[in-house]
């Protein structure tokens, strides 16, 4: 009998979908066990569609983290929405994430109508269970069932780890037999340049507020490795749309940009496994969110 050319395991793709700030990226990071997606309290933090790999001895689940679906107001919004819809169109399972602490509303219905349809099984996921009591969660489940007919329901907390294994079990039921799609030591398909730029953007999102976060884009300009010193030099540019936003990010006497760089460097050193010199600059690119060419340059939505 001829041996199979590759190992057969339970393997497939699950799209993690939901409205902005539903806890999708935090869930993906918790499942994989390492940071592959940036997180913040700012809605629409995720602009890239990325794949994260959850590898087990007898299974490989590819988690497709998607930008939060929302009613777009500019070209950037159109692109990230398109990315999410495309991601949900070619998977084995859809995980519809509902925030336990936020009322189920028209935004969740809008998402469900666009991605949670067809023959693919939908797992209803109530996230952030650590932020809500049992009565609130029960109400969330009842309202969420009006949006979809789920194949399974999981109430979990990515922060505490509650029911993460229950989520994996619910997904595996619907995974077909097949090959491992990625090497076993691979955790994400994101290009290194994108991951470095996103780590910088994450710190800007966490340290600024109001109109600034949505107007921020980051591009990696240079990455140089000194083998003798085992040291990387990383140069990146933070783009904003207004001079006033540039002033906020630089801060008085450069205080804000130094703080962004200090915090980003910690994560970049962890990612690269070496010492890092991080050189950040801030430039104004007026109304870049309405410029398709600039959006593509940053790799947002389907720009990759």
C-alpha atoms as a PDB file:
ATOM      1  CA  UNK A   1       0.000   0.000   0.000  1.00  0.00           C
ATOM      2  CA  UNK A   2       1.350   3.426  -0.978  1.00  0.00           C
ATOM      3  CA  UNK A   3       1.932   5.831   1.900  1.00  0.00           C
ATOM      4  CA  UNK A   4       0.207   9.200   1.878  1.00  0.00           C
ATOM      5  CA  UNK A   5       2.558  11.983   0.690  1.00  0.00           C
ATOM      6  CA  UNK A   6       1.743  14.058   3.733  1.00  0.00           C
ATOM      7  CA  UNK A   7       0.276  13.715   7.189  1.00  0.00           C
ATOM      8  CA  UNK A   8      -3.510  13.836   7.345  1.00  0.00           C
ATOM      9  CA  UNK A   9      -4.995  15.719  10.315  1.00  0.00           C
ATOM     10  CA  UNK A  10      -8.129  17.705  11.064  1.00  0.00           C
ATOM     11  CA  UNK A  11      -7.342  20.979   9.324  1.00  0.00           C
ATOM     12  CA  UNK A  12      -9.140  24.005   7.986  1.00  0.00           C
ATOM     13  CA  UNK A  13      -9.856  27.711   8.188  1.00  0.00           C
ATOM     14  CA  UNK A  14     -12.089  29.638  10.590  1.00  0.00           C
ATOM     15  CA  UNK A  15     -12.922  33.315  10.034  1.00  0.00           C
ATOM     16  CA  UNK A  16     -13.100  35.383  13.215  1.00  0.00           C
ATOM     17  CA  UNK A  17     -15.667  38.074  12.411  1.00  0.00           C
ATOM     18  CA  UNK A  18     -17.598  40.718  14.304  1.00  0.00           C
ATOM     19  CA  UNK A  19     -18.090  44.423  14.617  1.00  0.00           C
ATOM     20  CA  UNK A  20     -15.145  46.634  15.660  1.00  0.00           C
ATOM     21  CA  UNK A  21     -13.762  46.112  19.169  1.00  0.00           C
ATOM     22  CA  UNK A  22     -15.524  42.768  19.676  1.00  0.00           C
ATOM     23  CA  UNK A  23     -12.326  41.144  20.959  1.00  0.00           C
ATOM     24  CA  UNK A  24     -11.376  39.266  17.787  1.00  0.00           C
ATOM     25  CA  UNK A  25      -7.640  39.964  17.777  1.00  0.00           C
ATOM     26  CA  UNK A  26      -7.318  39.367  21.504  1.00  0.00           C
ATOM     27  CA  UNK A  27      -8.994  35.991  21.003  1.00  0.00           C
ATOM     28  CA  UNK A  28      -6.628  35.074  18.165  1.00  0.00           C
ATOM     29  CA  UNK A  29      -3.561  36.009  20.237  1.00  0.00           C
ATOM     30  CA  UNK A  30      -4.822  33.969  23.185  1.00  0.00           C
ATOM     31  CA  UNK A  31      -5.508  30.898  21.060  1.00  0.00           C
ATOM     32  CA  UNK A  32      -2.129  30.954  19.320  1.00  0.00           C
ATOM     33  CA  UNK A  33      -0.273  31.772  22.524  1.00  0.00           C
ATOM     34  CA  UNK A  34       1.838  34.586  21.064  1.00  0.00           C
ATOM     35  CA  UNK A  35       1.109  38.110  19.911  1.00  0.00           C
ATOM     36  CA  UNK A  36       0.360  38.047  16.190  1.00  0.00           C
ATOM     37  CA  UNK A  37      -2.246  40.832  16.065  1.00  0.00           C
ATOM     38  CA  UNK A  38      -2.177  44.270  17.631  1.00  0.00           C
ATOM     39  CA  UNK A  39      -4.910  45.257  20.069  1.00  0.00           C
ATOM     40  CA  UNK A  40      -6.289  48.447  21.586  1.00  0.00           C
ATOM     41  CA  UNK A  41      -9.548  49.889  22.834  1.00  0.00           C
ATOM     42  CA  UNK A  42      -9.857  51.912  19.635  1.00  0.00           C
ATOM     43  CA  UNK A  43     -12.509  50.579  17.231  1.00  0.00           C
ATOM     44  CA  UNK A  44     -11.147  49.478  13.839  1.00  0.00           C
ATOM     45  CA  UNK A  45      -7.695  48.757  15.263  1.00  0.00           C
ATOM     46  CA  UNK A  46      -7.297  45.815  12.873  1.00  0.00           C
ATOM     47  CA  UNK A  47      -6.796  46.886   9.269  1.00  0.00           C
ATOM     48  CA  UNK A  48      -5.134  43.746   7.912  1.00  0.00           C
ATOM     49  CA  UNK A  49      -6.581  40.355   7.238  1.00  0.00           C
ATOM     50  CA  UNK A  50      -4.073  37.980   8.797  1.00  0.00           C
ATOM     51  CA  UNK A  51      -3.876  34.239   9.306  1.00  0.00           C
ATOM     52  CA  UNK A  52      -2.717  32.810  12.611  1.00  0.00           C
ATOM     53  CA  UNK A  53      -1.881  29.143  13.000  1.00  0.00           C
ATOM     54  CA  UNK A  54      -3.068  27.019  15.916  1.00  0.00           C
ATOM     55  CA  UNK A  55      -1.131  23.779  15.556  1.00  0.00           C
ATOM     56  CA  UNK A  56      -1.880  20.610  17.518  1.00  0.00           C
ATOM     57  CA  UNK A  57      -0.546  17.071  17.272  1.00  0.00           C
ATOM     58  CA  UNK A  58      -3.691  15.904  15.472  1.00  0.00           C
ATOM     59  CA  UNK A  59      -4.990  19.166  14.020  1.00  0.00           C
ATOM     60  CA  UNK A  60      -4.159  22.531  12.515  1.00  0.00           C
ATOM     61  CA  UNK A  61      -6.670  25.377  12.698  1.00  0.00           C
ATOM     62  CA  UNK A  62      -5.934  28.477  10.639  1.00  0.00           C
ATOM     63  CA  UNK A  63      -7.559  31.470  12.336  1.00  0.00           C
ATOM     64  CA  UNK A  64      -8.381  34.272   9.908  1.00  0.00           C
ATOM     65  CA  UNK A  65      -8.472  37.488  11.930  1.00  0.00           C
ATOM     66  CA  UNK A  66     -10.474  40.135  10.101  1.00  0.00           C
ATOM     67  CA  UNK A  67     -10.965  43.886  10.434  1.00  0.00           C
ATOM     68  CA  UNK A  68     -14.179  44.773  12.239  1.00  0.00           C
ATOM     69  CA  UNK A  69     -17.053  45.219   9.804  1.00  0.00           C
ATOM     70  CA  UNK A  70     -18.605  48.669   9.973  1.00  0.00           C
ATOM     71  CA  UNK A  71     -20.436  51.155   7.779  1.00  0.00           C
ATOM     72  CA  UNK A  72     -17.553  52.818   5.910  1.00  0.00           C
ATOM     73  CA  UNK A  73     -17.073  56.582   5.684  1.00  0.00           C
ATOM     74  CA  UNK A  74     -13.945  56.632   3.481  1.00  0.00           C
ATOM     75  CA  UNK A  75     -11.884  54.521   1.073  1.00  0.00           C
ATOM     76  CA  UNK A  76      -9.995  52.910   3.941  1.00  0.00           C
ATOM     77  CA  UNK A  77     -13.281  51.717   5.445  1.00  0.00           C
ATOM     78  CA  UNK A  78     -14.315  50.267   2.096  1.00  0.00           C
ATOM     79  CA  UNK A  79     -11.048  48.359   1.828  1.00  0.00           C
ATOM     80  CA  UNK A  80     -11.083  46.822   5.302  1.00  0.00           C
ATOM     81  CA  UNK A  81     -14.734  45.814   4.906  1.00  0.00           C
ATOM     82  CA  UNK A  82     -13.917  44.148   1.605  1.00  0.00           C
ATOM     83  CA  UNK A  83     -11.088  42.287   3.310  1.00  0.00           C
ATOM     84  CA  UNK A  84     -13.420  40.922   5.983  1.00  0.00           C
ATOM     85  CA  UNK A  85     -16.123  39.820   3.565  1.00  0.00           C
ATOM     86  CA  UNK A  86     -13.587  38.074   1.335  1.00  0.00           C
ATOM     87  CA  UNK A  87     -12.057  36.331   4.338  1.00  0.00           C
ATOM     88  CA  UNK A  88     -15.428  34.913   5.365  1.00  0.00           C
ATOM     89  CA  UNK A  89     -16.212  33.695   1.862  1.00  0.00           C
ATOM     90  CA  UNK A  90     -13.634  30.925   1.706  1.00  0.00           C
ATOM     91  CA  UNK A  91     -13.436  29.224   5.100  1.00  0.00           C
ATOM     92  CA  UNK A  92     -14.748  26.070   6.728  1.00  0.00           C
ATOM     93  CA  UNK A  93     -16.230  27.765   9.815  1.00  0.00           C
ATOM     94  CA  UNK A  94     -17.301  31.272  10.787  1.00  0.00           C
ATOM     95  CA  UNK A  95     -16.923  32.437  14.370  1.00  0.00           C
ATOM     96  CA  UNK A  96     -19.256  35.387  14.965  1.00  0.00           C
ATOM     97  CA  UNK A  97     -17.940  37.344  17.949  1.00  0.00           C
ATOM     98  CA  UNK A  98     -20.331  39.317  20.159  1.00  0.00           C
ATOM     99  CA  UNK A  99     -19.021  41.473  23.007  1.00  0.00           C
ATOM    100  CA  UNK A 100     -20.555  40.305  26.292  1.00  0.00           C
ATOM    101  CA  UNK A 101     -20.404  43.809  27.724  1.00  0.00           C
ATOM    102  CA  UNK A 102     -21.872  45.748  24.777  1.00  0.00           C
ATOM    103  CA  UNK A 103     -25.550  45.637  23.772  1.00  0.00           C
ATOM    104  CA  UNK A 104     -26.331  43.505  20.735  1.00  0.00           C
ATOM    105  CA  UNK A 105     -27.516  45.949  18.130  1.00  0.00           C
ATOM    106  CA  UNK A 106     -27.733  46.985  14.508  1.00  0.00           C
ATOM    107  CA  UNK A 107     -23.973  46.770  14.081  1.00  0.00           C
ATOM    108  CA  UNK A 108     -23.969  43.072  14.975  1.00  0.00           C
ATOM    109  CA  UNK A 109     -26.945  42.468  12.695  1.00  0.00           C
ATOM    110  CA  UNK A 110     -25.164  44.308   9.879  1.00  0.00           C
ATOM    111  CA  UNK A 111     -22.148  42.000  10.280  1.00  0.00           C
ATOM    112  CA  UNK A 112     -24.261  38.823  10.459  1.00  0.00           C
ATOM    113  CA  UNK A 113     -26.155  39.716   7.292  1.00  0.00           C
ATOM    114  CA  UNK A 114     -22.897  40.024   5.340  1.00  0.00           C
ATOM    115  CA  UNK A 115     -20.845  37.085   6.528  1.00  0.00           C
ATOM    116  CA  UNK A 116     -22.864  34.624   8.591  1.00  0.00           C
ATOM    117  CA  UNK A 117     -24.953  33.291   5.724  1.00  0.00           C
ATOM    118  CA  UNK A 118     -24.826  30.251   3.476  1.00  0.00           C
ATOM    119  CA  UNK A 119     -23.906  26.671   4.281  1.00  0.00           C
ATOM    120  CA  UNK A 120     -20.850  27.261   6.445  1.00  0.00           C
ATOM    121  CA  UNK A 121     -21.441  26.494  10.120  1.00  0.00           C
ATOM    122  CA  UNK A 122     -21.495  29.534  12.385  1.00  0.00           C
ATOM    123  CA  UNK A 123     -20.170  29.349  15.922  1.00  0.00           C
ATOM    124  CA  UNK A 124     -21.647  32.048  18.115  1.00  0.00           C
ATOM    125  CA  UNK A 125     -18.906  33.383  20.385  1.00  0.00           C
ATOM    126  CA  UNK A 126     -19.656  35.634  23.333  1.00  0.00           C
ATOM    127  CA  UNK A 127     -16.349  37.324  24.110  1.00  0.00           C
ATOM    128  CA  UNK A 128     -15.109  39.254  27.168  1.00  0.00           C
ATOM    129  CA  UNK A 129     -17.092  37.040  29.553  1.00  0.00           C
ATOM    130  CA  UNK A 130     -14.952  38.344  32.404  1.00  0.00           C
ATOM    131  CA  UNK A 131     -16.619  41.751  31.988  1.00  0.00           C
ATOM    132  CA  UNK A 132     -20.253  40.620  32.350  1.00  0.00           C
ATOM    133  CA  UNK A 133     -22.371  38.715  34.863  1.00  0.00           C
ATOM    134  CA  UNK A 134     -24.367  35.579  34.078  1.00  0.00           C
ATOM    135  CA  UNK A 135     -27.654  37.414  33.597  1.00  0.00           C
ATOM    136  CA  UNK A 136     -26.119  39.822  31.091  1.00  0.00           C
ATOM    137  CA  UNK A 137     -24.483  36.983  29.181  1.00  0.00           C
ATOM    138  CA  UNK A 138     -27.792  35.105  29.036  1.00  0.00           C
ATOM    139  CA  UNK A 139     -29.455  38.181  27.526  1.00  0.00           C
ATOM    140  CA  UNK A 140     -26.634  38.539  25.013  1.00  0.00           C
ATOM    141  CA  UNK A 141     -27.056  34.949  23.908  1.00  0.00           C
ATOM    142  CA  UNK A 142     -30.797  35.355  23.506  1.00  0.00           C
ATOM    143  CA  UNK A 143     -30.401  38.462  21.368  1.00  0.00           C
ATOM    144  CA  UNK A 144     -27.541  37.001  19.346  1.00  0.00           C
ATOM    145  CA  UNK A 145     -29.634  33.953  18.427  1.00  0.00           C
ATOM    146  CA  UNK A 146     -31.942  36.344  16.577  1.00  0.00           C
ATOM    147  CA  UNK A 147     -29.052  37.114  14.209  1.00  0.00           C
ATOM    148  CA  UNK A 148     -27.912  33.599  13.350  1.00  0.00           C
ATOM    149  CA  UNK A 149     -28.779  29.952  13.839  1.00  0.00           C
ATOM    150  CA  UNK A 150     -25.531  28.763  15.399  1.00  0.00           C
ATOM    151  CA  UNK A 151     -24.020  25.319  15.070  1.00  0.00           C
ATOM    152  CA  UNK A 152     -22.517  25.864  18.533  1.00  0.00           C
ATOM    153  CA  UNK A 153     -22.289  28.537  21.212  1.00  0.00           C
ATOM    154  CA  UNK A 154     -19.230  29.379  23.302  1.00  0.00           C
ATOM    155  CA  UNK A 155     -18.972  31.949  26.072  1.00  0.00           C
ATOM    156  CA  UNK A 156     -15.317  32.741  26.671  1.00  0.00           C
ATOM    157  CA  UNK A 157     -12.741  35.194  27.934  1.00  0.00           C
ATOM    158  CA  UNK A 158      -9.482  35.592  26.054  1.00  0.00           C
ATOM    159  CA  UNK A 159      -8.089  37.565  28.993  1.00  0.00           C
ATOM    160  CA  UNK A 160      -8.585  34.791  31.562  1.00  0.00           C
ATOM    161  CA  UNK A 161      -8.463  31.812  29.209  1.00  0.00           C
ATOM    162  CA  UNK A 162     -11.982  30.713  30.145  1.00  0.00           C
ATOM    163  CA  UNK A 163     -13.438  28.262  27.597  1.00  0.00           C
ATOM    164  CA  UNK A 164     -10.705  28.694  24.984  1.00  0.00           C
ATOM    165  CA  UNK A 165     -10.468  24.914  24.705  1.00  0.00           C
ATOM    166  CA  UNK A 166     -14.246  24.716  24.341  1.00  0.00           C
ATOM    167  CA  UNK A 167     -13.941  27.052  21.352  1.00  0.00           C
ATOM    168  CA  UNK A 168     -11.252  24.853  19.796  1.00  0.00           C
ATOM    169  CA  UNK A 169     -13.403  21.757  20.328  1.00  0.00           C
ATOM    170  CA  UNK A 170     -16.414  23.467  18.724  1.00  0.00           C
ATOM    171  CA  UNK A 171     -14.336  24.395  15.672  1.00  0.00           C
ATOM    172  CA  UNK A 172     -12.706  20.978  15.271  1.00  0.00           C
ATOM    173  CA  UNK A 173     -16.092  19.297  14.930  1.00  0.00           C
ATOM    174  CA  UNK A 174     -16.452  21.057  11.584  1.00  0.00           C
ATOM    175  CA  UNK A 175     -12.866  20.744  10.340  1.00  0.00           C
ATOM    176  CA  UNK A 176     -12.343  18.306   7.440  1.00  0.00           C
ATOM    177  CA  UNK A 177      -9.463  15.867   7.206  1.00  0.00           C
ATOM    178  CA  UNK A 178      -6.571  17.292   5.244  1.00  0.00           C
ATOM    179  CA  UNK A 179      -2.928  18.392   5.280  1.00  0.00           C
ATOM    180  CA  UNK A 180      -1.292  20.956   7.503  1.00  0.00           C
ATOM    181  CA  UNK A 181      -1.445  24.155   5.473  1.00  0.00           C
ATOM    182  CA  UNK A 182       1.481  25.812   7.245  1.00  0.00           C
ATOM    183  CA  UNK A 183       4.754  24.628   8.819  1.00  0.00           C
ATOM    184  CA  UNK A 184       4.249  23.521  12.408  1.00  0.00           C
ATOM    185  CA  UNK A 185       6.473  26.266  13.849  1.00  0.00           C
ATOM    186  CA  UNK A 186       4.723  29.061  11.933  1.00  0.00           C
ATOM    187  CA  UNK A 187       2.331  31.262  13.907  1.00  0.00           C
ATOM    188  CA  UNK A 188       1.250  33.816  11.278  1.00  0.00           C
ATOM    189  CA  UNK A 189       1.510  34.590   7.578  1.00  0.00           C
ATOM    190  CA  UNK A 190       1.980  38.326   8.150  1.00  0.00           C
ATOM    191  CA  UNK A 191       5.095  39.752   6.466  1.00  0.00           C
ATOM    192  CA  UNK A 192       7.704  40.953   8.942  1.00  0.00           C
ATOM    193  CA  UNK A 193       7.502  44.513   7.598  1.00  0.00           C
ATOM    194  CA  UNK A 194       3.787  44.636   8.342  1.00  0.00           C
ATOM    195  CA  UNK A 195       4.211  43.242  11.855  1.00  0.00           C
ATOM    196  CA  UNK A 196       6.891  45.820  12.703  1.00  0.00           C
ATOM    197  CA  UNK A 197       4.790  48.712  11.385  1.00  0.00           C
ATOM    198  CA  UNK A 198       1.718  47.479  13.232  1.00  0.00           C
ATOM    199  CA  UNK A 199       3.570  47.253  16.550  1.00  0.00           C
ATOM    200  CA  UNK A 200       4.395  50.946  16.210  1.00  0.00           C
ATOM    201  CA  UNK A 201       0.811  51.824  15.263  1.00  0.00           C
ATOM    202  CA  UNK A 202      -0.507  49.900  18.253  1.00  0.00           C
ATOM    203  CA  UNK A 203       1.454  52.122  20.659  1.00  0.00           C
ATOM    204  CA  UNK A 204       0.156  55.261  18.954  1.00  0.00           C
ATOM    205  CA  UNK A 205      -3.420  53.981  19.287  1.00  0.00           C
ATOM    206  CA  UNK A 206      -2.953  53.241  22.963  1.00  0.00           C
ATOM    207  CA  UNK A 207      -1.342  56.557  23.804  1.00  0.00           C
ATOM    208  CA  UNK A 208      -3.501  58.997  21.816  1.00  0.00           C
ATOM    209  CA  UNK A 209      -7.225  59.601  21.566  1.00  0.00           C
ATOM    210  CA  UNK A 210      -9.981  61.465  19.747  1.00  0.00           C
ATOM    211  CA  UNK A 211      -9.370  61.863  16.008  1.00  0.00           C
ATOM    212  CA  UNK A 212      -5.696  60.886  15.980  1.00  0.00           C
ATOM    213  CA  UNK A 213      -5.819  57.030  16.025  1.00  0.00           C
ATOM    214  CA  UNK A 214      -7.986  56.660  12.924  1.00  0.00           C
ATOM    215  CA  UNK A 215      -5.754  59.056  10.972  1.00  0.00           C
ATOM    216  CA  UNK A 216      -2.543  57.109  11.718  1.00  0.00           C
ATOM    217  CA  UNK A 217      -0.776  54.866   9.232  1.00  0.00           C
ATOM    218  CA  UNK A 218       2.714  53.430   9.650  1.00  0.00           C
ATOM    219  CA  UNK A 219       5.172  52.343   6.960  1.00  0.00           C
ATOM    220  CA  UNK A 220       8.467  50.518   7.522  1.00  0.00           C
ATOM    221  CA  UNK A 221      11.260  52.389   5.744  1.00  0.00           C
ATOM    222  CA  UNK A 222      14.294  50.279   6.564  1.00  0.00           C
ATOM    223  CA  UNK A 223      15.369  47.189   8.496  1.00  0.00           C
ATOM    224  CA  UNK A 224      19.115  46.594   8.868  1.00  0.00           C
ATOM    225  CA  UNK A 225      20.704  43.690  10.722  1.00  0.00           C
ATOM    226  CA  UNK A 226      24.231  43.927  12.162  1.00  0.00           C
ATOM    227  CA  UNK A 227      25.315  40.308  12.439  1.00  0.00           C
ATOM    228  CA  UNK A 228      28.443  41.103  14.429  1.00  0.00           C
ATOM    229  CA  UNK A 229      26.448  42.887  17.150  1.00  0.00           C
ATOM    230  CA  UNK A 230      23.299  40.779  16.720  1.00  0.00           C
ATOM    231  CA  UNK A 231      21.409  44.053  16.508  1.00  0.00           C
ATOM    232  CA  UNK A 232      18.662  45.509  14.288  1.00  0.00           C
ATOM    233  CA  UNK A 233      18.104  49.091  13.229  1.00  0.00           C
ATOM    234  CA  UNK A 234      14.448  49.749  12.405  1.00  0.00           C
ATOM    235  CA  UNK A 235      13.301  52.938  10.698  1.00  0.00           C
ATOM    236  CA  UNK A 236       9.599  53.711  10.280  1.00  0.00           C
ATOM    237  CA  UNK A 237       7.404  56.660   9.422  1.00  0.00           C
ATOM    238  CA  UNK A 238       4.147  57.480  11.172  1.00  0.00           C
ATOM    239  CA  UNK A 239       1.746  59.209   8.782  1.00  0.00           C
ATOM    240  CA  UNK A 240      -1.126  61.461   9.847  1.00  0.00           C
ATOM    241  CA  UNK A 241      -3.542  63.692   7.954  1.00  0.00           C
ATOM    242  CA  UNK A 242      -3.160  67.044   9.759  1.00  0.00           C
ATOM    243  CA  UNK A 243      -0.354  69.168  11.170  1.00  0.00           C
ATOM    244  CA  UNK A 244      -2.218  69.269  14.487  1.00  0.00           C
ATOM    245  CA  UNK A 245      -2.144  65.461  14.638  1.00  0.00           C
ATOM    246  CA  UNK A 246       1.580  65.475  13.939  1.00  0.00           C
ATOM    247  CA  UNK A 247       2.049  67.826  16.862  1.00  0.00           C
ATOM    248  CA  UNK A 248       0.102  65.529  19.176  1.00  0.00           C
ATOM    249  CA  UNK A 249       2.141  62.464  18.228  1.00  0.00           C
ATOM    250  CA  UNK A 250       5.466  64.257  18.589  1.00  0.00           C
ATOM    251  CA  UNK A 251       4.364  65.850  21.846  1.00  0.00           C
ATOM    252  CA  UNK A 252       5.920  68.639  23.848  1.00  0.00           C
ATOM    253  CA  UNK A 253       9.664  68.455  23.410  1.00  0.00           C
ATOM    254  CA  UNK A 254       9.276  65.104  21.626  1.00  0.00           C
ATOM    255  CA  UNK A 255       7.905  63.446  24.757  1.00  0.00           C
ATOM    256  CA  UNK A 256       5.088  61.486  23.052  1.00  0.00           C
ATOM    257  CA  UNK A 257       7.138  60.104  20.158  1.00  0.00           C
ATOM    258  CA  UNK A 258       9.858  58.988  22.574  1.00  0.00           C
ATOM    259  CA  UNK A 259       7.268  57.160  24.689  1.00  0.00           C
ATOM    260  CA  UNK A 260       5.793  55.485  21.589  1.00  0.00           C
ATOM    261  CA  UNK A 261       9.266  54.399  20.525  1.00  0.00           C
ATOM    262  CA  UNK A 262      10.195  53.070  23.957  1.00  0.00           C
ATOM    263  CA  UNK A 263       7.089  50.915  24.196  1.00  0.00           C
ATOM    264  CA  UNK A 264       7.219  49.722  20.584  1.00  0.00           C
ATOM    265  CA  UNK A 265      10.888  48.784  20.874  1.00  0.00           C
ATOM    266  CA  UNK A 266      10.116  46.303  23.669  1.00  0.00           C
ATOM    267  CA  UNK A 267       7.708  44.353  21.440  1.00  0.00           C
ATOM    268  CA  UNK A 268       9.968  44.629  18.395  1.00  0.00           C
ATOM    269  CA  UNK A 269      12.927  43.236  20.341  1.00  0.00           C
ATOM    270  CA  UNK A 270      10.746  40.360  21.485  1.00  0.00           C
ATOM    271  CA  UNK A 271       9.668  39.705  17.889  1.00  0.00           C
ATOM    272  CA  UNK A 272      13.158  39.915  16.364  1.00  0.00           C
ATOM    273  CA  UNK A 273      15.001  38.317  19.279  1.00  0.00           C
ATOM    274  CA  UNK A 274      17.769  40.940  19.225  1.00  0.00           C
ATOM    275  CA  UNK A 275      18.546  44.396  20.498  1.00  0.00           C
ATOM    276  CA  UNK A 276      16.879  47.150  18.469  1.00  0.00           C
ATOM    277  CA  UNK A 277      17.420  50.791  17.657  1.00  0.00           C
ATOM    278  CA  UNK A 278      14.062  52.230  16.599  1.00  0.00           C
ATOM    279  CA  UNK A 279      14.062  55.455  14.585  1.00  0.00           C
ATOM    280  CA  UNK A 280      10.599  56.999  14.173  1.00  0.00           C
ATOM    281  CA  UNK A 281       9.562  59.972  12.092  1.00  0.00           C
ATOM    282  CA  UNK A 282       6.179  61.653  11.680  1.00  0.00           C
ATOM    283  CA  UNK A 283       4.918  63.025   8.370  1.00  0.00           C
ATOM    284  CA  UNK A 284       1.668  64.583   7.174  1.00  0.00           C
ATOM    285  CA  UNK A 285      -0.100  62.946   4.225  1.00  0.00           C
ATOM    286  CA  UNK A 286      -3.279  64.952   3.844  1.00  0.00           C
ATOM    287  CA  UNK A 287      -6.478  62.875   3.654  1.00  0.00           C
ATOM    288  CA  UNK A 288      -4.556  59.648   2.990  1.00  0.00           C
ATOM    289  CA  UNK A 289      -7.553  57.547   4.076  1.00  0.00           C
ATOM    290  CA  UNK A 290      -9.322  58.695   0.908  1.00  0.00           C
ATOM    291  CA  UNK A 291      -6.314  57.887  -1.300  1.00  0.00           C
ATOM    292  CA  UNK A 292      -6.469  54.327  -2.673  1.00  0.00           C
ATOM    293  CA  UNK A 293      -2.783  54.376  -3.659  1.00  0.00           C
ATOM    294  CA  UNK A 294      -1.688  55.334  -0.148  1.00  0.00           C
ATOM    295  CA  UNK A 295      -3.981  52.736   1.414  1.00  0.00           C
ATOM    296  CA  UNK A 296      -2.405  50.110  -0.825  1.00  0.00           C
ATOM    297  CA  UNK A 297       1.072  51.266   0.180  1.00  0.00           C
ATOM    298  CA  UNK A 298       0.260  50.666   3.826  1.00  0.00           C
ATOM    299  CA  UNK A 299      -1.110  47.239   2.901  1.00  0.00           C
ATOM    300  CA  UNK A 300      -4.483  47.827   4.535  1.00  0.00           C
ATOM    301  CA  UNK A 301      -7.530  45.850   3.516  1.00  0.00           C
ATOM    302  CA  UNK A 302      -6.698  43.913   0.357  1.00  0.00           C
ATOM    303  CA  UNK A 303      -3.633  46.084  -0.283  1.00  0.00           C
ATOM    304  CA  UNK A 304      -1.339  43.182   0.602  1.00  0.00           C
END
